[in-house]
PDB file of N, CA and C in Angstrom:
ATOM      1  N   MET A   1      84.048  80.030  92.414  1.00  0.00           N
ATOM      2  CA  MET A   1      84.387  78.839  93.158  1.00  0.00           C
ATOM      3  C   MET A   1      83.532  78.718  94.417  1.00  0.00           C
ATOM      4  N   ASN A   2      83.203  79.854  95.034  1.00  0.00           N
ATOM      5  CA  ASN A   2      82.347  79.797  96.219  1.00  0.00           C
ATOM      6  C   ASN A   2      80.955  79.266  95.881  1.00  0.00           C
ATOM      7  N   GLU A   3      80.482  79.566  94.675  1.00  0.00           N
ATOM      8  CA  GLU A   3      79.170  79.051  94.271  1.00  0.00           C
ATOM      9  C   GLU A   3      79.247  77.557  93.967  1.00  0.00           C
ATOM     10  N   ARG A   4      80.314  77.114  93.331  1.00  0.00           N
ATOM     11  CA  ARG A   4      80.460  75.703  92.976  1.00  0.00           C
ATOM     12  C   ARG A   4      80.774  74.830  94.180  1.00  0.00           C
ATOM     13  N   PHE A   5      81.516  75.388  95.127  1.00  0.00           N
ATOM     14  CA  PHE A   5      81.919  74.634  96.316  1.00  0.00           C
ATOM     15  C   PHE A   5      81.628  75.453  97.574  1.00  0.00           C
ATOM     16  N   PRO A   6      80.366  75.569  97.951  1.00  0.00           N
ATOM     17  CA  PRO A   6      80.046  76.366  99.147  1.00  0.00           C
ATOM     18  C   PRO A   6      80.633  75.776 100.425  1.00  0.00           C
ATOM     19  N   GLU A   7      81.048  74.504 100.375  1.00  0.00           N
ATOM     20  CA  GLU A   7      81.647  73.857 101.542  1.00  0.00           C
ATOM     21  C   GLU A   7      83.073  74.346 101.802  1.00  0.00           C
ATOM     22  N   ILE A   8      83.650  75.034 100.801  1.00  0.00           N
ATOM     23  CA  ILE A   8      85.034  75.514 100.902  1.00  0.00           C
ATOM     24  C   ILE A   8      85.007  77.038 100.738  1.00  0.00           C
ATOM     25  N   PRO A   9      84.675  77.765 101.788  1.00  0.00           N
ATOM     26  CA  PRO A   9      84.524  79.213 101.670  1.00  0.00           C
ATOM     27  C   PRO A   9      85.862  79.928 101.470  1.00  0.00           C
ATOM     28  N   LEU A  10      85.944  80.669 100.354  1.00  0.00           N
ATOM     29  CA  LEU A  10      87.140  81.433 100.015  1.00  0.00           C
ATOM     30  C   LEU A  10      86.943  82.903 100.349  1.00  0.00           C
ATOM     31  N   ARG A  11      88.026  83.519 100.801  1.00  0.00           N
ATOM     32  CA  ARG A  11      87.998  84.959 101.043  1.00  0.00           C
ATOM     33  C   ARG A  11      89.294  85.565 100.503  1.00  0.00           C
ATOM     34  N   LEU A  12      89.148  86.577  99.655  1.00  0.00           N
ATOM     35  CA  LEU A  12      90.312  87.282  99.132  1.00  0.00           C
ATOM     36  C   LEU A  12      90.944  88.076 100.262  1.00  0.00           C
ATOM     37  N   SER A  13      92.220  87.842 100.506  1.00  0.00           N
ATOM     38  CA  SER A  13      92.934  88.587 101.543  1.00  0.00           C
ATOM     39  C   SER A  13      93.566  89.836 100.958  1.00  0.00           C
ATOM     40  N   ARG A  14      94.314  89.657  99.850  1.00  0.00           N
ATOM     41  CA  ARG A  14      94.943  90.797  99.190  1.00  0.00           C
ATOM     42  C   ARG A  14      95.566  90.352  97.883  1.00  0.00           C
ATOM     43  N   ILE A  15      95.974  91.324  97.094  1.00  0.00           N
ATOM     44  CA  ILE A  15      96.713  91.067  95.858  1.00  0.00           C
ATOM     45  C   ILE A  15      97.994  91.879  95.948  1.00  0.00           C
ATOM     46  N   SER A  16      99.114  91.234  95.694  1.00  0.00           N
ATOM     47  CA  SER A  16     100.407  91.909  95.750  1.00  0.00           C
ATOM     48  C   SER A  16     101.236  91.480  94.549  1.00  0.00           C
ATOM     49  N   ASN A  17     101.547  92.419  93.692  1.00  0.00           N
ATOM     50  CA  ASN A  17     102.319  92.158  92.476  1.00  0.00           C
ATOM     51  C   ASN A  17     101.690  91.037  91.669  1.00  0.00           C
ATOM     52  N   ASP A  18     102.342  89.877  91.579  1.00  0.00           N
ATOM     53  CA  ASP A  18     101.834  88.778  90.759  1.00  0.00           C
ATOM     54  C   ASP A  18     101.201  87.659  91.580  1.00  0.00           C
ATOM     55  N   THR A  19     100.841  87.962  92.839  1.00  0.00           N
ATOM     56  CA  THR A  19     100.300  86.934  93.735  1.00  0.00           C
ATOM     57  C   THR A  19      98.953  87.352  94.319  1.00  0.00           C
ATOM     58  N   ILE A  20      98.006  86.432  94.267  1.00  0.00           N
ATOM     59  CA  ILE A  20      96.700  86.623  94.907  1.00  0.00           C
ATOM     60  C   ILE A  20      96.719  85.803  96.194  1.00  0.00           C
ATOM     61  N   PHE A  21      96.415  86.440  97.296  1.00  0.00           N
ATOM     62  CA  PHE A  21      96.387  85.781  98.599  1.00  0.00           C
ATOM     63  C   PHE A  21      94.939  85.465  98.961  1.00  0.00           C
ATOM     64  N   VAL A  22      94.664  84.198  99.190  1.00  0.00           N
ATOM     65  CA  VAL A  22      93.309  83.731  99.449  1.00  0.00           C
ATOM     66  C   VAL A  22      93.305  82.937 100.753  1.00  0.00           C
ATOM     67  N   LYS A  23      92.286  83.152 101.565  1.00  0.00           N
ATOM     68  CA  LYS A  23      92.112  82.395 102.804  1.00  0.00           C
ATOM     69  C   LYS A  23      90.910  81.479 102.646  1.00  0.00           C
ATOM     70  N   ILE A  24      91.100  80.225 103.000  1.00  0.00           N
ATOM     71  CA  ILE A  24      89.996  79.271 103.078  1.00  0.00           C
ATOM     72  C   ILE A  24      89.604  79.250 104.550  1.00  0.00           C
ATOM     73  N   THR A  25      88.439  79.799 104.840  1.00  0.00           N
ATOM     74  CA  THR A  25      88.057  80.013 106.231  1.00  0.00           C
ATOM     75  C   THR A  25      87.681  78.734 106.969  1.00  0.00           C
ATOM     76  N   ASN A  26      87.292  77.701 106.230  1.00  0.00           N
ATOM     77  CA  ASN A  26      87.001  76.396 106.840  1.00  0.00           C
ATOM     78  C   ASN A  26      87.513  75.330 105.879  1.00  0.00           C
ATOM     79  N   SER A  27      88.639  74.729 106.217  1.00  0.00           N
ATOM     80  CA  SER A  27      89.279  73.783 105.297  1.00  0.00           C
ATOM     81  C   SER A  27      88.906  72.328 105.556  1.00  0.00           C
ATOM     82  N   ARG A  28      88.033  72.085 106.484  1.00  0.00           N
ATOM     83  CA  ARG A  28      87.718  70.696 106.844  1.00  0.00           C
ATOM     84  C   ARG A  28      87.219  69.878 105.644  1.00  0.00           C
ATOM     85  N   TYR A  29      86.282  70.415 104.869  1.00  0.00           N
ATOM     86  CA  TYR A  29      85.753  69.675 103.718  1.00  0.00           C
ATOM     87  C   TYR A  29      86.861  69.402 102.704  1.00  0.00           C
ATOM     88  N   LEU A  30      87.667  70.426 102.402  1.00  0.00           N
ATOM     89  CA  LEU A  30      88.750  70.290 101.431  1.00  0.00           C
ATOM     90  C   LEU A  30      89.771  69.258 101.870  1.00  0.00           C
ATOM     91  N   THR A  31      90.168  69.292 103.108  1.00  0.00           N
ATOM     92  CA  THR A  31      91.296  68.482 103.563  1.00  0.00           C
ATOM     93  C   THR A  31      90.930  67.147 104.187  1.00  0.00           C
ATOM     94  N   GLU A  32      89.647  66.920 104.463  1.00  0.00           N
ATOM     95  CA  GLU A  32      89.257  65.665 105.100  1.00  0.00           C
ATOM     96  C   GLU A  32      88.154  64.893 104.378  1.00  0.00           C
ATOM     97  N   GLN A  33      87.387  65.555 103.512  1.00  0.00           N
ATOM     98  CA  GLN A  33      86.225  64.882 102.942  1.00  0.00           C
ATOM     99  C   GLN A  33      86.254  64.743 101.424  1.00  0.00           C
ATOM    100  N   MET A  34      87.317  65.200 100.776  1.00  0.00           N
ATOM    101  CA  MET A  34      87.397  65.103  99.320  1.00  0.00           C
ATOM    102  C   MET A  34      88.330  63.982  98.859  1.00  0.00           C
ATOM    103  N   GLY A  35      88.747  63.129  99.780  1.00  0.00           N
ATOM    104  CA  GLY A  35      89.658  62.052  99.429  1.00  0.00           C
ATOM    105  C   GLY A  35      91.079  62.565  99.280  1.00  0.00           C
ATOM    106  N   SER A  36      91.930  61.744  98.686  1.00  0.00           N
ATOM    107  CA  SER A  36      93.335  62.134  98.567  1.00  0.00           C
ATOM    108  C   SER A  36      93.626  62.946  97.313  1.00  0.00           C
ATOM    109  N   SER A  37      92.887  62.753  96.231  1.00  0.00           N
ATOM    110  CA  SER A  37      93.142  63.511  95.008  1.00  0.00           C
ATOM    111  C   SER A  37      92.201  64.710  94.849  1.00  0.00           C
ATOM    112  N   GLY A  38      91.119  64.758  95.587  1.00  0.00           N
ATOM    113  CA  GLY A  38      90.172  65.867  95.486  1.00  0.00           C
ATOM    114  C   GLY A  38      90.769  67.231  95.798  1.00  0.00           C
ATOM    115  N   PRO A  39      91.539  67.359  96.882  1.00  0.00           N
ATOM    116  CA  PRO A  39      92.133  68.660  97.178  1.00  0.00           C
ATOM    117  C   PRO A  39      93.071  69.148  96.070  1.00  0.00           C
ATOM    118  N   GLU A  40      93.856  68.252  95.498  1.00  0.00           N
ATOM    119  CA  GLU A  40      94.756  68.666  94.409  1.00  0.00           C
ATOM    120  C   GLU A  40      93.966  69.154  93.200  1.00  0.00           C
ATOM    121  N   ALA A  41      92.899  68.440  92.851  1.00  0.00           N
ATOM    122  CA  ALA A  41      92.060  68.852  91.726  1.00  0.00           C
ATOM    123  C   ALA A  41      91.395  70.202  92.001  1.00  0.00           C
ATOM    124  N   TYR A  42      90.916  70.388  93.215  1.00  0.00           N
ATOM    125  CA  TYR A  42      90.284  71.658  93.585  1.00  0.00           C
ATOM    126  C   TYR A  42      91.292  72.807  93.521  1.00  0.00           C
ATOM    127  N   ILE A  43      92.477  72.603  94.095  1.00  0.00           N
ATOM    128  CA  ILE A  43      93.492  73.662  94.107  1.00  0.00           C
ATOM    129  C   ILE A  43      93.953  73.975  92.688  1.00  0.00           C
ATOM    130  N   ALA A  44      94.120  72.962  91.860  1.00  0.00           N
ATOM    131  CA  ALA A  44      94.490  73.194  90.457  1.00  0.00           C
ATOM    132  C   ALA A  44      93.423  74.013  89.746  1.00  0.00           C
ATOM    133  N   ASP A  45      92.160  73.668  89.943  1.00  0.00           N
ATOM    134  CA  ASP A  45      91.052  74.410  89.337  1.00  0.00           C
ATOM    135  C   ASP A  45      91.063  75.861  89.813  1.00  0.00           C
ATOM    136  N   LEU A  46      91.263  76.064  91.086  1.00  0.00           N
ATOM    137  CA  LEU A  46      91.311  77.411  91.653  1.00  0.00           C
ATOM    138  C   LEU A  46      92.464  78.206  91.061  1.00  0.00           C
ATOM    139  N   VAL A  47      93.649  77.614  91.000  1.00  0.00           N
ATOM    140  CA  VAL A  47      94.822  78.302  90.456  1.00  0.00           C
ATOM    141  C   VAL A  47      94.604  78.672  88.997  1.00  0.00           C
ATOM    142  N   TYR A  48      94.109  77.743  88.201  1.00  0.00           N
ATOM    143  CA  TYR A  48      93.886  78.035  86.784  1.00  0.00           C
ATOM    144  C   TYR A  48      92.827  79.117  86.597  1.00  0.00           C
ATOM    145  N   ASN A  49      91.773  79.091  87.400  1.00  0.00           N
ATOM    146  CA  ASN A  49      90.741  80.116  87.292  1.00  0.00           C
ATOM    147  C   ASN A  49      91.259  81.496  87.678  1.00  0.00           C
ATOM    148  N   LEU A  50      91.985  81.587  88.768  1.00  0.00           N
ATOM    149  CA  LEU A  50      92.431  82.891  89.258  1.00  0.00           C
ATOM    150  C   LEU A  50      93.604  83.466  88.473  1.00  0.00           C
ATOM    151  N   THR A  51      94.328  82.626  87.743  1.00  0.00           N
ATOM    152  CA  THR A  51      95.448  83.130  86.942  1.00  0.00           C
ATOM    153  C   THR A  51      95.106  83.214  85.454  1.00  0.00           C
ATOM    154  N   GLU A  52      93.852  83.042  85.111  1.00  0.00           N
ATOM    155  CA  GLU A  52      93.429  83.035  83.708  1.00  0.00           C
ATOM    156  C   GLU A  52      93.649  84.386  83.030  1.00  0.00           C
ATOM    157  N   SER A  53      93.317  85.445  83.690  1.00  0.00           N
ATOM    158  CA  SER A  53      93.478  86.778  83.098  1.00  0.00           C
ATOM    159  C   SER A  53      94.169  87.687  84.107  1.00  0.00           C
ATOM    160  N   GLY A  54      94.689  88.762  83.633  1.00  0.00           N
ATOM    161  CA  GLY A  54      95.383  89.680  84.528  1.00  0.00           C
ATOM    162  C   GLY A  54      96.843  89.297  84.708  1.00  0.00           C
ATOM    163  N   SER A  55      97.460  89.886  85.706  1.00  0.00           N
ATOM    164  CA  SER A  55      98.896  89.696  85.895  1.00  0.00           C
ATOM    165  C   SER A  55      99.232  88.686  86.993  1.00  0.00           C
ATOM    166  N   ALA A  56      98.239  88.066  87.587  1.00  0.00           N
ATOM    167  CA  ALA A  56      98.506  87.090  88.653  1.00  0.00           C
ATOM    168  C   ALA A  56      99.114  85.823  88.075  1.00  0.00           C
ATOM    169  N   ARG A  57     100.206  85.397  88.676  1.00  0.00           N
ATOM    170  CA  ARG A  57     100.867  84.148  88.280  1.00  0.00           C
ATOM    171  C   ARG A  57     100.866  83.133  89.406  1.00  0.00           C
ATOM    172  N   TYR A  58     100.644  83.615  90.633  1.00  0.00           N
ATOM    173  CA  TYR A  58     100.700  82.754  91.805  1.00  0.00           C
ATOM    174  C   TYR A  58      99.468  82.953  92.671  1.00  0.00           C
ATOM    175  N   ILE A  59      99.068  81.886  93.351  1.00  0.00           N
ATOM    176  CA  ILE A  59      97.981  81.930  94.314  1.00  0.00           C
ATOM    177  C   ILE A  59      98.538  81.411  95.631  1.00  0.00           C
ATOM    178  N   HIS A  60      98.457  82.242  96.647  1.00  0.00           N
ATOM    179  CA  HIS A  60      98.895  81.809  97.974  1.00  0.00           C
ATOM    180  C   HIS A  60      97.650  81.438  98.771  1.00  0.00           C
ATOM    181  N   LEU A  61      97.561  80.177  99.171  1.00  0.00           N
ATOM    182  CA  LEU A  61      96.414  79.680  99.921  1.00  0.00           C
ATOM    183  C   LEU A  61      96.773  79.560 101.393  1.00  0.00           C
ATOM    184  N   ASN A  62      95.944  80.148 102.209  1.00  0.00           N
ATOM    185  CA  ASN A  62      96.117  80.100 103.654  1.00  0.00           C
ATOM    186  C   ASN A  62      94.939  79.323 104.229  1.00  0.00           C
ATOM    187  N   PHE A  63      95.232  78.182 104.817  1.00  0.00           N
ATOM    188  CA  PHE A  63      94.195  77.396 105.472  1.00  0.00           C
ATOM    189  C   PHE A  63      94.851  76.438 106.453  1.00  0.00           C
ATOM    190  N   LYS A  64      94.038  75.876 107.310  1.00  0.00           N
ATOM    191  CA  LYS A  64      94.537  74.912 108.298  1.00  0.00           C
ATOM    192  C   LYS A  64      94.749  73.571 107.612  1.00  0.00           C
ATOM    193  N   ALA A  65      95.973  73.107 107.626  1.00  0.00           N
ATOM    194  CA  ALA A  65      96.298  71.815 107.019  1.00  0.00           C
ATOM    195  C   ALA A  65      95.737  70.695 107.888  1.00  0.00           C
ATOM    196  N   ARG A  66      95.239  69.675 107.216  1.00  0.00           N
ATOM    197  CA  ARG A  66      94.740  68.493 107.908  1.00  0.00           C
ATOM    198  C   ARG A  66      95.287  67.266 107.176  1.00  0.00           C
ATOM    199  N   ASP A  67      94.480  66.247 106.958  1.00  0.00           N
ATOM    200  CA  ASP A  67      94.957  65.002 106.359  1.00  0.00           C
ATOM    201  C   ASP A  67      95.436  65.148 104.918  1.00  0.00           C
ATOM    202  N   HIS A  68      94.708  65.898 104.088  1.00  0.00           N
ATOM    203  CA  HIS A  68      95.022  66.031 102.662  1.00  0.00           C
ATOM    204  C   HIS A  68      95.034  67.513 102.303  1.00  0.00           C
ATOM    205  N   GLY A  69      95.905  67.898 101.417  1.00  0.00           N
ATOM    206  CA  GLY A  69      95.990  69.288 100.987  1.00  0.00           C
ATOM    207  C   GLY A  69      96.902  70.089 101.901  1.00  0.00           C
ATOM    208  N   ALA A  70      97.659  70.985 101.303  1.00  0.00           N
ATOM    209  CA  ALA A  70      98.589  71.788 102.087  1.00  0.00           C
ATOM    210  C   ALA A  70      98.494  73.253 101.683  1.00  0.00           C
ATOM    211  N   PRO A  71      98.549  74.152 102.657  1.00  0.00           N
ATOM    212  CA  PRO A  71      98.583  75.574 102.324  1.00  0.00           C
ATOM    213  C   PRO A  71      99.917  75.904 101.658  1.00  0.00           C
ATOM    214  N   GLY A  72      99.970  77.042 101.005  1.00  0.00           N
ATOM    215  CA  GLY A  72     101.209  77.460 100.369  1.00  0.00           C
ATOM    216  C   GLY A  72     100.941  78.245  99.112  1.00  0.00           C
ATOM    217  N   THR A  73     101.994  78.488  98.358  1.00  0.00           N
ATOM    218  CA  THR A  73     101.905  79.252  97.122  1.00  0.00           C
ATOM    219  C   THR A  73     101.962  78.299  95.941  1.00  0.00           C
ATOM    220  N   TYR A  74     100.998  78.448  95.038  1.00  0.00           N
ATOM    221  CA  TYR A  74     100.870  77.562  93.886  1.00  0.00           C
ATOM    222  C   TYR A  74     100.866  78.375  92.591  1.00  0.00           C
ATOM    223  N   SER A  75     101.330  77.736  91.522  1.00  0.00           N
ATOM    224  CA  SER A  75     101.240  78.316  90.180  1.00  0.00           C
ATOM    225  C   SER A  75     100.796  77.215  89.224  1.00  0.00           C
ATOM    226  N   ARG A  76     100.542  77.588  87.997  1.00  0.00           N
ATOM    227  CA  ARG A  76     100.118  76.596  87.004  1.00  0.00           C
ATOM    228  C   ARG A  76     101.167  75.511  86.804  1.00  0.00           C
ATOM    229  N   THR A  77     102.441  75.853  86.964  1.00  0.00           N
ATOM    230  CA  THR A  77     103.494  74.859  86.758  1.00  0.00           C
ATOM    231  C   THR A  77     103.446  73.728  87.778  1.00  0.00           C
ATOM    232  N   ASP A  78     102.782  73.961  88.896  1.00  0.00           N
ATOM    233  CA  ASP A  78     102.642  72.899  89.904  1.00  0.00           C
ATOM    234  C   ASP A  78     101.733  71.772  89.437  1.00  0.00           C
ATOM    235  N   PHE A  79     100.964  72.017  88.381  1.00  0.00           N
ATOM    236  CA  PHE A  79      99.967  71.041  87.959  1.00  0.00           C
ATOM    237  C   PHE A  79     100.181  70.537  86.528  1.00  0.00           C
ATOM    238  N   ILE A  80     101.367  70.723  86.006  1.00  0.00           N
ATOM    239  CA  ILE A  80     101.698  70.211  84.668  1.00  0.00           C
ATOM    240  C   ILE A  80     101.931  68.713  84.793  1.00  0.00           C
ATOM    241  N   MET A  81     101.267  67.963  83.929  1.00  0.00           N
ATOM    242  CA  MET A  81     101.426  66.495  83.949  1.00  0.00           C
ATOM    243  C   MET A  81     102.749  66.147  83.295  1.00  0.00           C
ATOM    244  N   ARG A  82     103.480  65.285  83.928  1.00  0.00           N
ATOM    245  CA  ARG A  82     104.801  64.886  83.404  1.00  0.00           C
ATOM    246  C   ARG A  82     104.791  63.462  82.977  1.00  0.00           C
TER     247      ARG A  82
END
């Protein structure tokens, strides 16, 4: 993801049980320049990629909230189309 989106630098903080903790060190591009649906698409892509293999079921994102996008804990169920 860092290669695909260098504007959104990710840093692994830690892994605990079924949760991967990730820090976005500069959230300005994600939360202010990707429009209103861009952050959701990015976070969904990140969650699906990081939970693809292994025992991780949740991704906890830590970043400064701005206009769009919110920090918190996400899972694949957050992005199921209803």
